[in-house]
């Protein structure tokens, strides 16, 4: 008897979705929310396929990631909170923002809206910057060069699916002050980056609670391994040509995505113990192995990118930032 026969998780589309704008709702990890459809220890083909096919609003994810990042910057300048309280609230904002960045980067671009979300977030994270002036001697360090390549890889979008950028104004056209510069403006309507906090200072307890509610990293490592094993096994089974080969491939892709999302969660959360660092190093080794197997470059780049940025989560002491070294830097 299957889990569905036993009254397990529903495969029906969610009404709210795993990505929400910041408001009065309870704070929840967006990656964990996205995983709910296939969140068990032994997901079925139907559950993995439903997980892959669920509609993920990457535009909302990208906008919320940027909003949280801006709010963290504003709160860092806010002098009315005690230092330790401020650091934990900032950490909560950073963790949530990085989780949304990981979700946006890892999830495949199934349509033009999702592609636009990836490109807009790439611009906001600096992935498209650092265009070197050829009249200068290059002074970029190898470490920074790798991080830039990781960012660019994380937000890679297949070129053939991109619409043309906005055309420039013609001779008799007006409205030039608001003429679009890009395919989609991620920051339109968001609060400016500087100034007073917009909302986090009114949700102190919620953000501190979120920052301290770290998931079980060892369990996530186990899940990542199992999802990758499941992905490889489903691909092998589909290659034999069964009637449901197409469904097996959809489930395999869902399993691969689930593996990368679990890996990203391990690397994002600022847990600094010997056991946690050992678990994070296991994820590094697992990512290096998946790189050998030819997994999508955006997924490989996404985990590397959020790992590098997670080293600056405010609740992590400067002397506790571990140097997690990935292989195959040139690959991404």
Protein backbone atom coordinates (compact mmCIF):
# COMPACT_ATOMS: atom_id res chain seq x y z
CA UNK A 1 0.00 0.00 0.00
CA UNK A 2 1.41 3.41 -0.92
CA UNK A 3 1.66 6.41 1.36
CA UNK A 4 -1.07 8.10 -0.64
CA UNK A 5 -3.39 5.15 0.04
CA UNK A 6 -2.66 5.59 3.74
CA UNK A 7 -3.81 9.19 3.70
CA UNK A 8 -0.35 10.73 3.35
CA UNK A 9 0.61 14.09 1.86
CA UNK A 10 -1.78 15.64 -0.60
CA UNK A 11 -0.55 16.21 -4.13
CA UNK A 12 -3.12 18.95 -4.74
CA UNK A 13 -1.70 22.40 -5.57
CA UNK A 14 -1.15 24.59 -2.53
CA UNK A 15 -3.36 27.66 -2.22
CA UNK A 16 -0.75 29.97 -0.75
CA UNK A 17 2.45 28.75 -2.34
CA UNK A 18 5.88 28.32 -0.76
CA UNK A 19 6.91 31.94 -1.39
CA UNK A 20 5.18 34.82 0.38
CA UNK A 21 5.88 38.54 0.65
CA UNK A 22 6.85 39.66 4.16
CA UNK A 23 3.74 40.37 6.22
CA UNK A 24 2.14 39.28 9.49
CA UNK A 25 2.22 35.56 8.67
CA UNK A 26 4.44 33.23 10.69
CA UNK A 27 7.97 33.14 9.31
CA UNK A 28 8.88 29.88 7.61
CA UNK A 29 11.81 28.61 5.61
CA UNK A 30 10.77 28.91 1.94
CA UNK A 31 12.85 25.89 0.92
CA UNK A 32 11.19 23.74 3.56
CA UNK A 33 7.79 25.01 2.39
CA UNK A 34 8.58 24.13 -1.22
CA UNK A 35 9.59 20.64 -0.13
CA UNK A 36 6.31 19.84 1.61
CA UNK A 37 4.85 17.90 -1.32
CA UNK A 38 7.75 15.45 -1.31
CA UNK A 39 8.94 15.95 2.24
CA UNK A 40 8.90 12.36 3.47
CA UNK A 41 11.85 10.00 3.86
CA UNK A 42 10.73 7.82 0.95
CA UNK A 43 8.82 9.91 -1.62
CA UNK A 44 6.92 8.22 -4.44
CA UNK A 45 7.18 8.90 -8.17
CA UNK A 46 3.91 10.82 -7.98
CA UNK A 47 5.15 12.97 -5.10
CA UNK A 48 8.46 13.78 -6.79
CA UNK A 49 6.72 14.60 -10.07
CA UNK A 50 4.19 16.80 -8.24
CA UNK A 51 7.05 18.54 -6.43
CA UNK A 52 8.75 19.27 -9.76
CA UNK A 53 5.54 20.53 -11.37
CA UNK A 54 4.42 22.79 -8.54
CA UNK A 55 4.27 26.46 -9.58
CA UNK A 56 7.08 28.35 -7.89
CA UNK A 57 6.69 32.12 -8.14
CA UNK A 58 10.33 33.03 -8.68
CA UNK A 59 9.49 36.69 -9.25
CA UNK A 60 8.05 36.94 -5.76
CA UNK A 61 11.00 34.94 -4.40
CA UNK A 62 13.51 37.27 -6.05
CA UNK A 63 11.70 40.45 -4.97
CA UNK A 64 11.35 39.21 -1.40
CA UNK A 65 15.03 38.19 -1.31
CA UNK A 66 16.01 41.71 -2.36
CA UNK A 67 13.55 43.30 0.09
CA UNK A 68 14.95 41.26 2.98
CA UNK A 69 18.50 42.11 1.97
CA UNK A 70 17.65 45.81 1.91
CA UNK A 71 15.88 45.56 5.27
CA UNK A 72 18.91 43.85 6.80
CA UNK A 73 21.05 46.76 5.62
CA UNK A 74 18.62 49.31 7.09
CA UNK A 75 18.39 47.44 10.39
CA UNK A 76 22.17 47.30 10.60
CA UNK A 77 22.13 51.11 10.78
CA UNK A 78 19.29 51.18 13.35
CA UNK A 79 20.67 52.34 16.69
CA UNK A 80 17.63 51.70 18.90
CA UNK A 81 18.24 47.95 19.35
CA UNK A 82 20.80 46.25 21.57
CA UNK A 83 23.72 44.88 19.59
CA UNK A 84 23.03 41.19 20.21
CA UNK A 85 19.33 41.61 19.42
CA UNK A 86 20.15 43.50 16.25
CA UNK A 87 22.63 40.81 15.14
CA UNK A 88 20.11 38.01 15.57
CA UNK A 89 17.35 39.88 13.72
CA UNK A 90 19.78 40.67 10.90
CA UNK A 91 20.78 37.01 10.83
CA UNK A 92 17.16 35.97 10.43
CA UNK A 93 16.73 38.38 7.53
CA UNK A 94 19.93 37.14 5.89
CA UNK A 95 19.03 33.47 6.27
CA UNK A 96 15.57 34.02 4.78
CA UNK A 97 16.99 36.09 1.93
CA UNK A 98 19.67 33.51 1.09
CA UNK A 99 17.06 30.75 1.17
CA UNK A 100 15.01 32.62 -1.42
CA UNK A 101 18.14 33.27 -3.49
CA UNK A 102 18.90 29.54 -3.44
CA UNK A 103 15.33 28.66 -4.42
CA UNK A 104 15.41 31.16 -7.30
CA UNK A 105 18.78 29.97 -8.56
CA UNK A 106 18.25 26.21 -8.22
CA UNK A 107 14.72 25.97 -9.60
CA UNK A 108 14.75 25.52 -13.41
CA UNK A 109 13.53 28.34 -15.64
CA UNK A 110 10.30 26.83 -16.97
CA UNK A 111 8.88 30.04 -18.40
CA UNK A 112 9.83 33.60 -19.25
CA UNK A 113 8.75 34.99 -15.88
CA UNK A 114 11.08 32.62 -14.08
CA UNK A 115 13.90 33.46 -16.48
CA UNK A 116 13.30 37.18 -15.89
CA UNK A 117 13.40 36.62 -12.11
CA UNK A 118 16.77 34.89 -12.35
CA UNK A 119 18.29 37.61 -14.53
CA UNK A 120 16.96 40.42 -12.32
CA UNK A 121 18.30 38.79 -9.16
CA UNK A 122 21.64 38.17 -10.89
CA UNK A 123 21.86 41.90 -11.53
CA UNK A 124 20.98 42.76 -7.92
CA UNK A 125 23.51 40.31 -6.45
CA UNK A 126 26.32 41.69 -8.58
CA UNK A 127 26.69 38.64 -10.80
CA UNK A 128 26.63 40.79 -13.92
CA UNK A 129 29.01 43.45 -12.60
CA UNK A 130 32.80 43.57 -12.59
CA UNK A 131 33.06 44.34 -16.27
CA UNK A 132 36.77 45.10 -16.44
CA UNK A 133 37.97 48.15 -18.32
CA UNK A 134 40.58 46.80 -20.74
CA UNK A 135 42.66 49.94 -20.31
CA UNK A 136 43.47 48.92 -16.72
CA UNK A 137 45.74 46.20 -15.41
CA UNK A 138 43.62 43.43 -13.89
CA UNK A 139 43.91 43.34 -10.09
CA UNK A 140 41.07 40.96 -9.26
CA UNK A 141 41.99 38.19 -6.84
CA UNK A 142 41.52 34.53 -7.68
CA UNK A 143 39.04 34.16 -4.81
CA UNK A 144 36.87 37.04 -6.02
CA UNK A 145 37.07 35.79 -9.59
CA UNK A 146 35.75 32.38 -8.49
CA UNK A 147 32.91 33.97 -6.54
CA UNK A 148 31.89 36.03 -9.56
CA UNK A 149 31.87 32.89 -11.72
CA UNK A 150 29.78 31.08 -9.10
CA UNK A 151 27.23 33.92 -9.11
CA UNK A 152 27.03 34.01 -12.88
CA UNK A 153 26.65 30.23 -13.04
CA UNK A 154 23.96 30.23 -10.34
CA UNK A 155 21.65 32.47 -12.34
CA UNK A 156 22.32 31.02 -15.78
CA UNK A 157 19.30 31.11 -18.09
CA UNK A 158 19.10 29.30 -21.45
CA UNK A 159 19.64 32.04 -24.03
CA UNK A 160 17.08 30.72 -26.49
CA UNK A 161 14.21 31.27 -24.05
CA UNK A 162 14.91 34.95 -23.42
CA UNK A 163 12.63 37.60 -24.94
CA UNK A 164 14.33 40.59 -26.56
CA UNK A 165 15.17 43.42 -24.15
CA UNK A 166 13.02 46.58 -24.22
CA UNK A 167 13.49 48.54 -27.41
CA UNK A 168 14.89 52.05 -27.17
CA UNK A 169 12.56 55.05 -27.68
CA UNK A 170 12.01 56.26 -31.21
CA UNK A 171 12.01 59.86 -32.38
CA UNK A 172 8.40 60.79 -31.56
CA UNK A 173 7.89 58.63 -28.43
CA UNK A 174 7.43 60.14 -24.97
CA UNK A 175 7.48 58.94 -21.39
CA UNK A 176 11.28 58.89 -21.51
CA UNK A 177 11.76 59.42 -17.76
CA UNK A 178 10.19 56.04 -17.06
CA UNK A 179 11.31 54.19 -20.18
CA UNK A 180 12.10 50.56 -19.20
CA UNK A 181 15.79 49.69 -18.98
CA UNK A 182 15.41 45.95 -18.46
CA UNK A 183 13.06 43.04 -19.08
CA UNK A 184 11.72 43.18 -15.51
CA UNK A 185 12.43 45.70 -12.75
CA UNK A 186 12.87 43.69 -9.56
CA UNK A 187 13.17 46.70 -7.25
CA UNK A 188 10.17 48.70 -8.48
CA UNK A 189 7.93 49.44 -5.49
CA UNK A 190 10.41 48.16 -2.89
CA UNK A 191 11.65 50.37 -0.07
CA UNK A 192 14.95 52.11 -0.70
CA UNK A 193 18.00 50.40 0.74
CA UNK A 194 18.96 53.19 3.18
CA UNK A 195 17.01 54.92 5.91
CA UNK A 196 14.98 53.52 8.77
CA UNK A 197 13.82 49.88 8.94
CA UNK A 198 10.53 49.25 7.15
CA UNK A 199 9.14 46.29 9.09
CA UNK A 200 11.69 44.06 10.84
CA UNK A 201 11.98 46.32 13.90
CA UNK A 202 8.31 45.54 14.60
CA UNK A 203 8.87 41.76 14.39
CA UNK A 204 11.89 41.35 16.67
CA UNK A 205 10.78 38.17 18.42
CA UNK A 206 9.66 36.52 15.18
CA UNK A 207 12.94 37.13 13.36
CA UNK A 208 15.08 36.10 16.34
CA UNK A 209 13.02 32.92 16.70
CA UNK A 210 13.45 32.18 13.00
CA UNK A 211 17.22 32.75 13.17
CA UNK A 212 17.55 30.35 16.10
CA UNK A 213 15.32 27.60 14.63
CA UNK A 214 18.06 25.83 12.70
CA UNK A 215 17.09 22.59 10.96
CA UNK A 216 18.79 19.24 11.57
CA UNK A 217 21.83 19.51 9.26
CA UNK A 218 22.68 15.81 9.44
CA UNK A 219 19.15 14.92 8.40
CA UNK A 220 19.41 17.33 5.48
CA UNK A 221 22.73 15.77 4.43
CA UNK A 222 21.11 12.34 4.48
CA UNK A 223 18.19 13.66 2.45
CA UNK A 224 20.48 15.24 -0.13
CA UNK A 225 22.32 11.96 -0.61
CA UNK A 226 19.10 9.98 -0.88
CA UNK A 227 17.59 12.40 -3.36
CA UNK A 228 20.66 12.22 -5.60
CA UNK A 229 20.66 8.42 -5.42
CA UNK A 230 16.96 8.44 -6.28
CA UNK A 231 17.57 10.79 -9.21
CA UNK A 232 20.30 8.59 -10.68
CA UNK A 233 18.25 5.42 -10.19
CA UNK A 234 15.15 6.91 -11.83
CA UNK A 235 17.16 8.07 -14.84
CA UNK A 236 18.60 4.57 -15.22
CA UNK A 237 15.12 3.05 -14.97
CA UNK A 238 13.70 5.53 -17.49
CA UNK A 239 16.46 4.70 -19.98
CA UNK A 240 15.09 1.15 -20.23
CA UNK A 241 12.05 2.52 -22.06
CA UNK A 242 9.08 1.75 -19.78
CA UNK A 243 5.67 3.22 -20.60
CA UNK A 244 6.04 5.81 -17.84
CA UNK A 245 9.60 6.82 -18.81
CA UNK A 246 8.59 10.47 -19.20
CA UNK A 247 7.06 10.55 -15.72
CA UNK A 248 10.16 8.88 -14.29
CA UNK A 249 12.33 11.61 -15.82
CA UNK A 250 10.12 14.34 -14.32
CA UNK A 251 10.39 12.61 -10.93
CA UNK A 252 14.17 12.30 -11.40
CA UNK A 253 14.47 16.03 -12.03
CA UNK A 254 12.33 16.73 -8.98
CA UNK A 255 14.58 14.49 -6.92
CA UNK A 256 17.70 16.27 -8.15
CA UNK A 257 16.21 19.68 -7.31
CA UNK A 258 15.25 18.40 -3.85
CA UNK A 259 18.83 17.23 -3.31
CA UNK A 260 20.28 20.63 -4.18
CA UNK A 261 17.75 22.48 -2.05
CA UNK A 262 18.63 20.27 0.93
CA UNK A 263 22.34 20.92 0.31
CA UNK A 264 21.73 24.66 0.11
CA UNK A 265 19.90 24.66 3.45
CA UNK A 266 22.87 22.98 5.12
CA UNK A 267 25.26 25.62 3.78
CA UNK A 268 23.02 28.62 4.53
CA UNK A 269 22.28 28.05 8.20
CA UNK A 270 25.01 29.55 10.45
CA UNK A 271 25.45 26.61 12.81
CA UNK A 272 29.04 26.61 14.08
CA UNK A 273 29.94 23.44 15.92
CA UNK A 274 32.47 20.75 15.03
CA UNK A 275 29.65 18.44 13.98
CA UNK A 276 28.01 21.13 11.84
CA UNK A 277 31.26 22.00 10.09
CA UNK A 278 31.89 18.32 9.41
CA UNK A 279 28.40 18.09 7.87
CA UNK A 280 29.05 21.16 5.72
CA UNK A 281 32.30 19.61 4.49
CA UNK A 282 30.35 16.50 3.55
CA UNK A 283 28.09 18.70 1.43
CA UNK A 284 31.17 20.22 -0.23
CA UNK A 285 32.40 16.73 -1.11
CA UNK A 286 28.94 15.78 -2.38
CA UNK A 287 28.78 18.88 -4.59
CA UNK A 288 32.21 18.11 -6.01
CA UNK A 289 31.01 14.60 -6.87
CA UNK A 290 27.83 15.88 -8.50
CA UNK A 291 29.98 18.21 -10.56
CA UNK A 292 31.80 15.17 -11.94
CA UNK A 293 28.44 13.64 -12.86
CA UNK A 294 27.45 16.65 -14.96
CA UNK A 295 24.55 18.11 -12.97
CA UNK A 296 23.16 21.46 -14.21
CA UNK A 297 25.65 24.28 -13.82
CA UNK A 298 23.10 26.64 -12.23
CA UNK A 299 22.47 24.17 -9.39
CA UNK A 300 26.19 23.65 -8.82
CA UNK A 301 26.80 27.40 -8.89
CA UNK A 302 23.86 28.14 -6.59
CA UNK A 303 25.16 26.04 -3.70
CA UNK A 304 28.64 27.55 -4.04
CA UNK A 305 27.22 31.07 -4.21
CA UNK A 306 25.03 30.82 -1.10
CA UNK A 307 27.87 29.11 0.79
CA UNK A 308 30.13 32.08 0.15
CA UNK A 309 27.46 34.61 1.14
CA UNK A 310 26.37 32.63 4.22
CA UNK A 311 29.81 33.19 5.74
CA UNK A 312 28.66 36.77 6.44
CA UNK A 313 25.46 36.01 8.34
CA UNK A 314 25.52 38.40 11.29
CA UNK A 315 25.12 35.82 14.07
CA UNK A 316 28.28 34.00 12.94
CA UNK A 317 31.39 35.30 14.77
CA UNK A 318 34.15 36.45 12.40
CA UNK A 319 36.62 33.91 13.79
CA UNK A 320 34.10 31.10 13.25
CA UNK A 321 33.83 31.47 9.48
CA UNK A 322 35.11 28.24 8.05
CA UNK A 323 36.81 28.18 4.66
CA UNK A 324 34.87 25.56 2.73
CA UNK A 325 36.79 24.80 -0.46
CA UNK A 326 34.99 23.47 -3.52
CA UNK A 327 36.73 21.66 -6.34
CA UNK A 328 35.97 22.22 -10.01
CA UNK A 329 36.05 26.01 -9.68
CA UNK A 330 36.66 26.35 -13.41
CA UNK A 331 33.63 24.18 -14.14
CA UNK A 332 31.31 26.89 -12.84
